[in-house]
Amino acid sequence: ASKQKTKLGLILFFVYAVIYAGFVIIGLSYTHLLSIKVIVGLNLAVVYGIGLIILAIVMGYVYSLVCTHMEDKMEREARK
């Protein structure tokens, strides 16, 4: 299960890194876009930033659930 957990962790990391890189690229190259009002009067910078935080929490939760499932499955198979 360790290799599977590592693979899942790397996949989630690279997904997050690409999304975060989008935020950085916008911040460096298209700063005017960050001031655009997107939702309920909040600008893109705030919405994107909050979205990144929520995404990190969700990804951590998904990682935990999947890894727990992998460990449980491995434990059940070891008992057989």
PDB file of N, CA and C in Angstrom:
ATOM      1  N   ALA A   1       0.827  -1.204   0.000  1.00  0.00           N
ATOM      2  CA  ALA A   1       0.000   0.000   0.000  1.00  0.00           C
ATOM      3  C   ALA A   1       0.864   1.257   0.000  1.00  0.00           C
ATOM      4  N   SER A   2       2.091   1.126   0.459  1.00  0.00           N
ATOM      5  CA  SER A   2       2.964   2.292   0.541  1.00  0.00           C
ATOM      6  C   SER A   2       3.230   2.905  -0.834  1.00  0.00           C
ATOM      7  N   LYS A   3       3.484   2.065  -1.832  1.00  0.00           N
ATOM      8  CA  LYS A   3       3.716   2.581  -3.185  1.00  0.00           C
ATOM      9  C   LYS A   3       2.458   3.250  -3.729  1.00  0.00           C
ATOM     10  N   GLN A   4       1.301   2.654  -3.445  1.00  0.00           N
ATOM     11  CA  GLN A   4       0.040   3.232  -3.918  1.00  0.00           C
ATOM     12  C   GLN A   4      -0.219   4.575  -3.249  1.00  0.00           C
ATOM     13  N   LYS A   5       0.072   4.670  -1.953  1.00  0.00           N
ATOM     14  CA  LYS A   5      -0.126   5.932  -1.244  1.00  0.00           C
ATOM     15  C   LYS A   5       0.829   7.000  -1.766  1.00  0.00           C
ATOM     16  N   THR A   6       2.052   6.593  -2.048  1.00  0.00           N
ATOM     17  CA  THR A   6       3.022   7.536  -2.613  1.00  0.00           C
ATOM     18  C   THR A   6       2.552   8.039  -3.967  1.00  0.00           C
ATOM     19  N   LYS A   7       2.078   7.119  -4.802  1.00  0.00           N
ATOM     20  CA  LYS A   7       1.590   7.498  -6.134  1.00  0.00           C
ATOM     21  C   LYS A   7       0.409   8.459  -6.023  1.00  0.00           C
ATOM     22  N   LEU A   8      -0.543   8.148  -5.146  1.00  0.00           N
ATOM     23  CA  LEU A   8      -1.695   9.024  -4.948  1.00  0.00           C
ATOM     24  C   LEU A   8      -1.247  10.392  -4.451  1.00  0.00           C
ATOM     25  N   GLY A   9      -0.332  10.409  -3.488  1.00  0.00           N
ATOM     26  CA  GLY A   9       0.168  11.675  -2.961  1.00  0.00           C
ATOM     27  C   GLY A   9       0.829  12.524  -4.032  1.00  0.00           C
ATOM     28  N   LEU A  10       1.607  11.884  -4.885  1.00  0.00           N
ATOM     29  CA  LEU A  10       2.267  12.621  -5.968  1.00  0.00           C
ATOM     30  C   LEU A  10       1.264  13.151  -6.984  1.00  0.00           C
ATOM     31  N   ILE A  11       0.263  12.348  -7.308  1.00  0.00           N
ATOM     32  CA  ILE A  11      -0.774  12.806  -8.244  1.00  0.00           C
ATOM     33  C   ILE A  11      -1.487  14.026  -7.677  1.00  0.00           C
ATOM     34  N   LEU A  12      -1.910  13.944  -6.418  1.00  0.00           N
ATOM     35  CA  LEU A  12      -2.609  15.073  -5.796  1.00  0.00           C
ATOM     36  C   LEU A  12      -1.697  16.295  -5.711  1.00  0.00           C
ATOM     37  N   PHE A  13      -0.427  16.074  -5.405  1.00  0.00           N
ATOM     38  CA  PHE A  13       0.525  17.181  -5.332  1.00  0.00           C
ATOM     39  C   PHE A  13       0.647  17.888  -6.673  1.00  0.00           C
ATOM     40  N   PHE A  14       0.814  17.112  -7.744  1.00  0.00           N
ATOM     41  CA  PHE A  14       0.996  17.737  -9.054  1.00  0.00           C
ATOM     42  C   PHE A  14      -0.277  18.427  -9.542  1.00  0.00           C
ATOM     43  N   VAL A  15      -1.437  17.868  -9.229  1.00  0.00           N
ATOM     44  CA  VAL A  15      -2.695  18.548  -9.570  1.00  0.00           C
ATOM     45  C   VAL A  15      -2.748  19.896  -8.858  1.00  0.00           C
ATOM     46  N   TYR A  16      -2.449  19.889  -7.555  1.00  0.00           N
ATOM     47  CA  TYR A  16      -2.471  21.129  -6.786  1.00  0.00           C
ATOM     48  C   TYR A  16      -1.418  22.110  -7.304  1.00  0.00           C
ATOM     49  N   ALA A  17      -0.231  21.599  -7.609  1.00  0.00           N
ATOM     50  CA  ALA A  17       0.854  22.459  -8.091  1.00  0.00           C
ATOM     51  C   ALA A  17       0.480  23.162  -9.392  1.00  0.00           C
ATOM     52  N   VAL A  18      -0.187  22.451 -10.291  1.00  0.00           N
ATOM     53  CA  VAL A  18      -0.604  23.055 -11.561  1.00  0.00           C
ATOM     54  C   VAL A  18      -1.638  24.150 -11.311  1.00  0.00           C
ATOM     55  N   ILE A  19      -2.594  23.872 -10.440  1.00  0.00           N
ATOM     56  CA  ILE A  19      -3.628  24.870 -10.136  1.00  0.00           C
ATOM     57  C   ILE A  19      -3.001  26.081  -9.443  1.00  0.00           C
ATOM     58  N   TYR A  20      -2.081  25.829  -8.516  1.00  0.00           N
ATOM     59  CA  TYR A  20      -1.386  26.920  -7.830  1.00  0.00           C
ATOM     60  C   TYR A  20      -0.528  27.719  -8.812  1.00  0.00           C
ATOM     61  N   ALA A  21       0.128  27.022  -9.727  1.00  0.00           N
ATOM     62  CA  ALA A  21       0.943  27.706 -10.735  1.00  0.00           C
ATOM     63  C   ALA A  21       0.079  28.657 -11.559  1.00  0.00           C
ATOM     64  N   GLY A  22      -1.152  28.256 -11.836  1.00  0.00           N
ATOM     65  CA  GLY A  22      -2.076  29.145 -12.540  1.00  0.00           C
ATOM     66  C   GLY A  22      -2.286  30.437 -11.775  1.00  0.00           C
ATOM     67  N   PHE A  23      -2.444  30.318 -10.461  1.00  0.00           N
ATOM     68  CA  PHE A  23      -2.613  31.495  -9.608  1.00  0.00           C
ATOM     69  C   PHE A  23      -1.368  32.384  -9.661  1.00  0.00           C
ATOM     70  N   VAL A  24      -0.202  31.772  -9.574  1.00  0.00           N
ATOM     71  CA  VAL A  24       1.058  32.525  -9.606  1.00  0.00           C
ATOM     72  C   VAL A  24       1.239  33.207 -10.962  1.00  0.00           C
ATOM     73  N   ILE A  25       0.948  32.499 -12.040  1.00  0.00           N
ATOM     74  CA  ILE A  25       1.085  33.083 -13.385  1.00  0.00           C
ATOM     75  C   ILE A  25       0.156  34.274 -13.553  1.00  0.00           C
ATOM     76  N   ILE A  26      -1.077  34.126 -13.086  1.00  0.00           N
ATOM     77  CA  ILE A  26      -2.005  35.257 -13.156  1.00  0.00           C
ATOM     78  C   ILE A  26      -1.457  36.419 -12.330  1.00  0.00           C
ATOM     79  N   GLY A  27      -0.955  36.117 -11.143  1.00  0.00           N
ATOM     80  CA  GLY A  27      -0.421  37.164 -10.268  1.00  0.00           C
ATOM     81  C   GLY A  27       0.793  37.874 -10.841  1.00  0.00           C
ATOM     82  N   LEU A  28       1.610  37.150 -11.579  1.00  0.00           N
ATOM     83  CA  LEU A  28       2.826  37.748 -12.143  1.00  0.00           C
ATOM     84  C   LEU A  28       2.606  38.417 -13.493  1.00  0.00           C
ATOM     85  N   SER A  29       1.771  37.818 -14.323  1.00  0.00           N
ATOM     86  CA  SER A  29       1.653  38.284 -15.706  1.00  0.00           C
ATOM     87  C   SER A  29       0.363  39.030 -16.027  1.00  0.00           C
ATOM     88  N   TYR A  30      -0.681  38.733 -15.301  1.00  0.00           N
ATOM     89  CA  TYR A  30      -1.992  39.314 -15.608  1.00  0.00           C
ATOM     90  C   TYR A  30      -2.621  39.881 -14.341  1.00  0.00           C
ATOM     91  N   THR A  31      -1.885  40.719 -13.657  1.00  0.00           N
ATOM     92  CA  THR A  31      -2.340  41.221 -12.354  1.00  0.00           C
ATOM     93  C   THR A  31      -3.694  41.917 -12.418  1.00  0.00           C
ATOM     94  N   HIS A  32      -4.004  42.518 -13.533  1.00  0.00           N
ATOM     95  CA  HIS A  32      -5.286  43.213 -13.662  1.00  0.00           C
ATOM     96  C   HIS A  32      -6.465  42.245 -13.523  1.00  0.00           C
ATOM     97  N   LEU A  33      -6.263  40.976 -13.864  1.00  0.00           N
ATOM     98  CA  LEU A  33      -7.347  39.992 -13.754  1.00  0.00           C
ATOM     99  C   LEU A  33      -7.718  39.710 -12.301  1.00  0.00           C
ATOM    100  N   LEU A  34      -6.758  39.853 -11.401  1.00  0.00           N
ATOM    101  CA  LEU A  34      -7.015  39.536  -9.999  1.00  0.00           C
ATOM    102  C   LEU A  34      -8.002  40.494  -9.350  1.00  0.00           C
ATOM    103  N   SER A  35      -8.175  41.670  -9.924  1.00  0.00           N
ATOM    104  CA  SER A  35      -9.097  42.644  -9.340  1.00  0.00           C
ATOM    105  C   SER A  35     -10.519  42.518  -9.879  1.00  0.00           C
ATOM    106  N   ILE A  36     -10.736  41.631 -10.832  1.00  0.00           N
ATOM    107  CA  ILE A  36     -12.074  41.443 -11.399  1.00  0.00           C
ATOM    108  C   ILE A  36     -12.992  40.843 -10.348  1.00  0.00           C
ATOM    109  N   LYS A  37     -14.163  41.446 -10.183  1.00  0.00           N
ATOM    110  CA  LYS A  37     -15.158  40.923  -9.241  1.00  0.00           C
ATOM    111  C   LYS A  37     -15.752  39.644  -9.824  1.00  0.00           C
ATOM    112  N   VAL A  38     -15.757  38.587  -9.018  1.00  0.00           N
ATOM    113  CA  VAL A  38     -16.184  37.281  -9.514  1.00  0.00           C
ATOM    114  C   VAL A  38     -17.477  36.829  -8.854  1.00  0.00           C
ATOM    115  N   ILE A  39     -17.471  36.743  -7.536  1.00  0.00           N
ATOM    116  CA  ILE A  39     -18.624  36.224  -6.798  1.00  0.00           C
ATOM    117  C   ILE A  39     -18.916  37.137  -5.615  1.00  0.00           C
ATOM    118  N   VAL A  40     -20.143  37.549  -5.465  1.00  0.00           N
ATOM    119  CA  VAL A  40     -20.622  38.327  -4.316  1.00  0.00           C
ATOM    120  C   VAL A  40     -19.685  39.496  -3.986  1.00  0.00           C
ATOM    121  N   GLY A  41     -19.207  40.159  -4.994  1.00  0.00           N
ATOM    122  CA  GLY A  41     -18.339  41.309  -4.800  1.00  0.00           C
ATOM    123  C   GLY A  41     -16.898  40.977  -4.451  1.00  0.00           C
ATOM    124  N   LEU A  42     -16.561  39.703  -4.401  1.00  0.00           N
ATOM    125  CA  LEU A  42     -15.179  39.301  -4.116  1.00  0.00           C
ATOM    126  C   LEU A  42     -14.389  39.230  -5.413  1.00  0.00           C
ATOM    127  N   ASN A  43     -13.144  39.681  -5.354  1.00  0.00           N
ATOM    128  CA  ASN A  43     -12.335  39.654  -6.569  1.00  0.00           C
ATOM    129  C   ASN A  43     -11.713  38.271  -6.789  1.00  0.00           C
ATOM    130  N   LEU A  44     -11.148  38.092  -7.972  1.00  0.00           N
ATOM    131  CA  LEU A  44     -10.580  36.801  -8.355  1.00  0.00           C
ATOM    132  C   LEU A  44      -9.466  36.367  -7.409  1.00  0.00           C
ATOM    133  N   ALA A  45      -8.658  37.305  -6.931  1.00  0.00           N
ATOM    134  CA  ALA A  45      -7.559  36.953  -6.024  1.00  0.00           C
ATOM    135  C   ALA A  45      -8.085  36.281  -4.763  1.00  0.00           C
ATOM    136  N   VAL A  46      -9.120  36.843  -4.178  1.00  0.00           N
ATOM    137  CA  VAL A  46      -9.696  36.285  -2.951  1.00  0.00           C
ATOM    138  C   VAL A  46     -10.363  34.945  -3.231  1.00  0.00           C
ATOM    139  N   VAL A  47     -11.154  34.881  -4.292  1.00  0.00           N
ATOM    140  CA  VAL A  47     -11.860  33.640  -4.624  1.00  0.00           C
ATOM    141  C   VAL A  47     -10.867  32.526  -4.949  1.00  0.00           C
ATOM    142  N   TYR A  48      -9.863  32.833  -5.737  1.00  0.00           N
ATOM    143  CA  TYR A  48      -8.852  31.837  -6.109  1.00  0.00           C
ATOM    144  C   TYR A  48      -8.091  31.381  -4.860  1.00  0.00           C
ATOM    145  N   GLY A  49      -7.714  32.343  -4.016  1.00  0.00           N
ATOM    146  CA  GLY A  49      -6.983  32.018  -2.788  1.00  0.00           C
ATOM    147  C   GLY A  49      -7.786  31.135  -1.851  1.00  0.00           C
ATOM    148  N   ILE A  50      -9.043  31.491  -1.632  1.00  0.00           N
ATOM    149  CA  ILE A  50      -9.910  30.667  -0.786  1.00  0.00           C
ATOM    150  C   ILE A  50     -10.123  29.306  -1.435  1.00  0.00           C
ATOM    151  N   GLY A  51     -10.274  29.301  -2.750  1.00  0.00           N
ATOM    152  CA  GLY A  51     -10.426  28.037  -3.475  1.00  0.00           C
ATOM    153  C   GLY A  51      -9.221  27.131  -3.294  1.00  0.00           C
ATOM    154  N   LEU A  52      -8.024  27.707  -3.312  1.00  0.00           N
ATOM    155  CA  LEU A  52      -6.806  26.917  -3.092  1.00  0.00           C
ATOM    156  C   LEU A  52      -6.784  26.310  -1.693  1.00  0.00           C
ATOM    157  N   ILE A  53      -7.195  27.091  -0.714  1.00  0.00           N
ATOM    158  CA  ILE A  53      -7.231  26.581   0.662  1.00  0.00           C
ATOM    159  C   ILE A  53      -8.242  25.445   0.784  1.00  0.00           C
ATOM    160  N   ILE A  54      -9.432  25.650   0.237  1.00  0.00           N
ATOM    161  CA  ILE A  54     -10.466  24.613   0.294  1.00  0.00           C
ATOM    162  C   ILE A  54     -10.017  23.372  -0.470  1.00  0.00           C
ATOM    163  N   LEU A  55      -9.410  23.571  -1.628  1.00  0.00           N
ATOM    164  CA  LEU A  55      -8.916  22.439  -2.416  1.00  0.00           C
ATOM    165  C   LEU A  55      -7.885  21.633  -1.632  1.00  0.00           C
ATOM    166  N   ALA A  56      -6.981  22.308  -0.940  1.00  0.00           N
ATOM    167  CA  ALA A  56      -5.968  21.604  -0.146  1.00  0.00           C
ATOM    168  C   ALA A  56      -6.620  20.774   0.955  1.00  0.00           C
ATOM    169  N   ILE A  57      -7.632  21.323   1.601  1.00  0.00           N
ATOM    170  CA  ILE A  57      -8.339  20.590   2.656  1.00  0.00           C
ATOM    171  C   ILE A  57      -9.058  19.384   2.077  1.00  0.00           C
ATOM    172  N   VAL A  58      -9.759  19.580   0.964  1.00  0.00           N
ATOM    173  CA  VAL A  58     -10.487  18.477   0.323  1.00  0.00           C
ATOM    174  C   VAL A  58      -9.518  17.395  -0.147  1.00  0.00           C
ATOM    175  N   MET A  59      -8.422  17.802  -0.756  1.00  0.00           N
ATOM    176  CA  MET A  59      -7.439  16.817  -1.225  1.00  0.00           C
ATOM    177  C   MET A  59      -6.839  16.037  -0.054  1.00  0.00           C
ATOM    178  N   GLY A  60      -6.580  16.703   1.053  1.00  0.00           N
ATOM    179  CA  GLY A  60      -6.076  16.017   2.241  1.00  0.00           C
ATOM    180  C   GLY A  60      -7.074  15.006   2.765  1.00  0.00           C
ATOM    181  N   TYR A  61      -8.342  15.386   2.762  1.00  0.00           N
ATOM    182  CA  TYR A  61      -9.406  14.487   3.217  1.00  0.00           C
ATOM    183  C   TYR A  61      -9.528  13.288   2.284  1.00  0.00           C
ATOM    184  N   VAL A  62      -9.516  13.533   0.985  1.00  0.00           N
ATOM    185  CA  VAL A  62      -9.589  12.445   0.000  1.00  0.00           C
ATOM    186  C   VAL A  62      -8.393  11.514   0.159  1.00  0.00           C
ATOM    187  N   TYR A  63      -7.215  12.087   0.328  1.00  0.00           N
ATOM    188  CA  TYR A  63      -6.010  11.273   0.515  1.00  0.00           C
ATOM    189  C   TYR A  63      -6.161  10.384   1.748  1.00  0.00           C
ATOM    190  N   SER A  64      -6.638  10.968   2.821  1.00  0.00           N
ATOM    191  CA  SER A  64      -6.827  10.213   4.058  1.00  0.00           C
ATOM    192  C   SER A  64      -7.828   9.077   3.871  1.00  0.00           C
ATOM    193  N   LEU A  65      -8.954   9.366   3.226  1.00  0.00           N
ATOM    194  CA  LEU A  65      -9.970   8.330   2.995  1.00  0.00           C
ATOM    195  C   LEU A  65      -9.435   7.195   2.134  1.00  0.00           C
ATOM    196  N   VAL A  66      -8.792   7.547   1.041  1.00  0.00           N
ATOM    197  CA  VAL A  66      -8.290   6.527   0.120  1.00  0.00           C
ATOM    198  C   VAL A  66      -7.198   5.697   0.786  1.00  0.00           C
ATOM    199  N   CYS A  67      -6.297   6.351   1.505  1.00  0.00           N
ATOM    200  CA  CYS A  67      -5.215   5.612   2.166  1.00  0.00           C
ATOM    201  C   CYS A  67      -5.756   4.704   3.265  1.00  0.00           C
ATOM    202  N   THR A  68      -6.751   5.171   4.006  1.00  0.00           N
ATOM    203  CA  THR A  68      -7.376   4.327   5.024  1.00  0.00           C
ATOM    204  C   THR A  68      -8.009   3.110   4.377  1.00  0.00           C
ATOM    205  N   HIS A  69      -8.677   3.323   3.253  1.00  0.00           N
ATOM    206  CA  HIS A  69      -9.282   2.203   2.520  1.00  0.00           C
ATOM    207  C   HIS A  69      -8.206   1.216   2.068  1.00  0.00           C
ATOM    208  N   MET A  70      -7.098   1.723   1.547  1.00  0.00           N
ATOM    209  CA  MET A  70      -6.000   0.854   1.104  1.00  0.00           C
ATOM    210  C   MET A  70      -5.443   0.038   2.269  1.00  0.00           C
ATOM    211  N   GLU A  71      -5.233   0.694   3.405  1.00  0.00           N
ATOM    212  CA  GLU A  71      -4.689   0.006   4.578  1.00  0.00           C
ATOM    213  C   GLU A  71      -5.662  -1.056   5.087  1.00  0.00           C
ATOM    214  N   ASP A  72      -6.947  -0.718   5.132  1.00  0.00           N
ATOM    215  CA  ASP A  72      -7.955  -1.685   5.576  1.00  0.00           C
ATOM    216  C   ASP A  72      -7.997  -2.894   4.655  1.00  0.00           C
ATOM    217  N   LYS A  73      -7.942  -2.648   3.356  1.00  0.00           N
ATOM    218  CA  LYS A  73      -7.962  -3.738   2.381  1.00  0.00           C
ATOM    219  C   LYS A  73      -6.731  -4.628   2.553  1.00  0.00           C
ATOM    220  N   MET A  74      -5.577  -4.007   2.735  1.00  0.00           N
ATOM    221  CA  MET A  74      -4.348  -4.766   2.910  1.00  0.00           C
ATOM    222  C   MET A  74      -4.404  -5.605   4.196  1.00  0.00           C
ATOM    223  N   GLU A  75      -4.974  -5.029   5.239  1.00  0.00           N
ATOM    224  CA  GLU A  75      -5.101  -5.744   6.512  1.00  0.00           C
ATOM    225  C   GLU A  75      -6.057  -6.932   6.390  1.00  0.00           C
ATOM    226  N   ARG A  76      -7.176  -6.736   5.684  1.00  0.00           N
ATOM    227  CA  ARG A  76      -8.129  -7.838   5.471  1.00  0.00           C
ATOM    228  C   ARG A  76      -7.486  -8.969   4.682  1.00  0.00           C
ATOM    229  N   GLU A  77      -6.720  -8.609   3.658  1.00  0.00           N
ATOM    230  CA  GLU A  77      -6.060  -9.626   2.834  1.00  0.00           C
ATOM    231  C   GLU A  77      -4.992 -10.376   3.629  1.00  0.00           C
ATOM    232  N   ALA A  78      -4.337  -9.695   4.557  1.00  0.00           N
ATOM    233  CA  ALA A  78      -3.298 -10.334   5.368  1.00  0.00           C
ATOM    234  C   ALA A  78      -3.896 -11.337   6.348  1.00  0.00           C
ATOM    235  N   ARG A  79      -5.136 -11.109   6.762  1.00  0.00           N
ATOM    236  CA  ARG A  79      -5.806 -12.005   7.709  1.00  0.00           C
ATOM    237  C   ARG A  79      -6.266 -13.301   7.063  1.00  0.00           C
ATOM    238  N   LYS A  80      -6.408 -13.302   5.747  1.00  0.00           N
ATOM    239  CA  LYS A  80      -6.928 -14.490   5.053  1.00  0.00           C
ATOM    240  C   LYS A  80      -5.948 -15.622   5.088  1.00  0.00           C
TER     241      LYS A  80
END
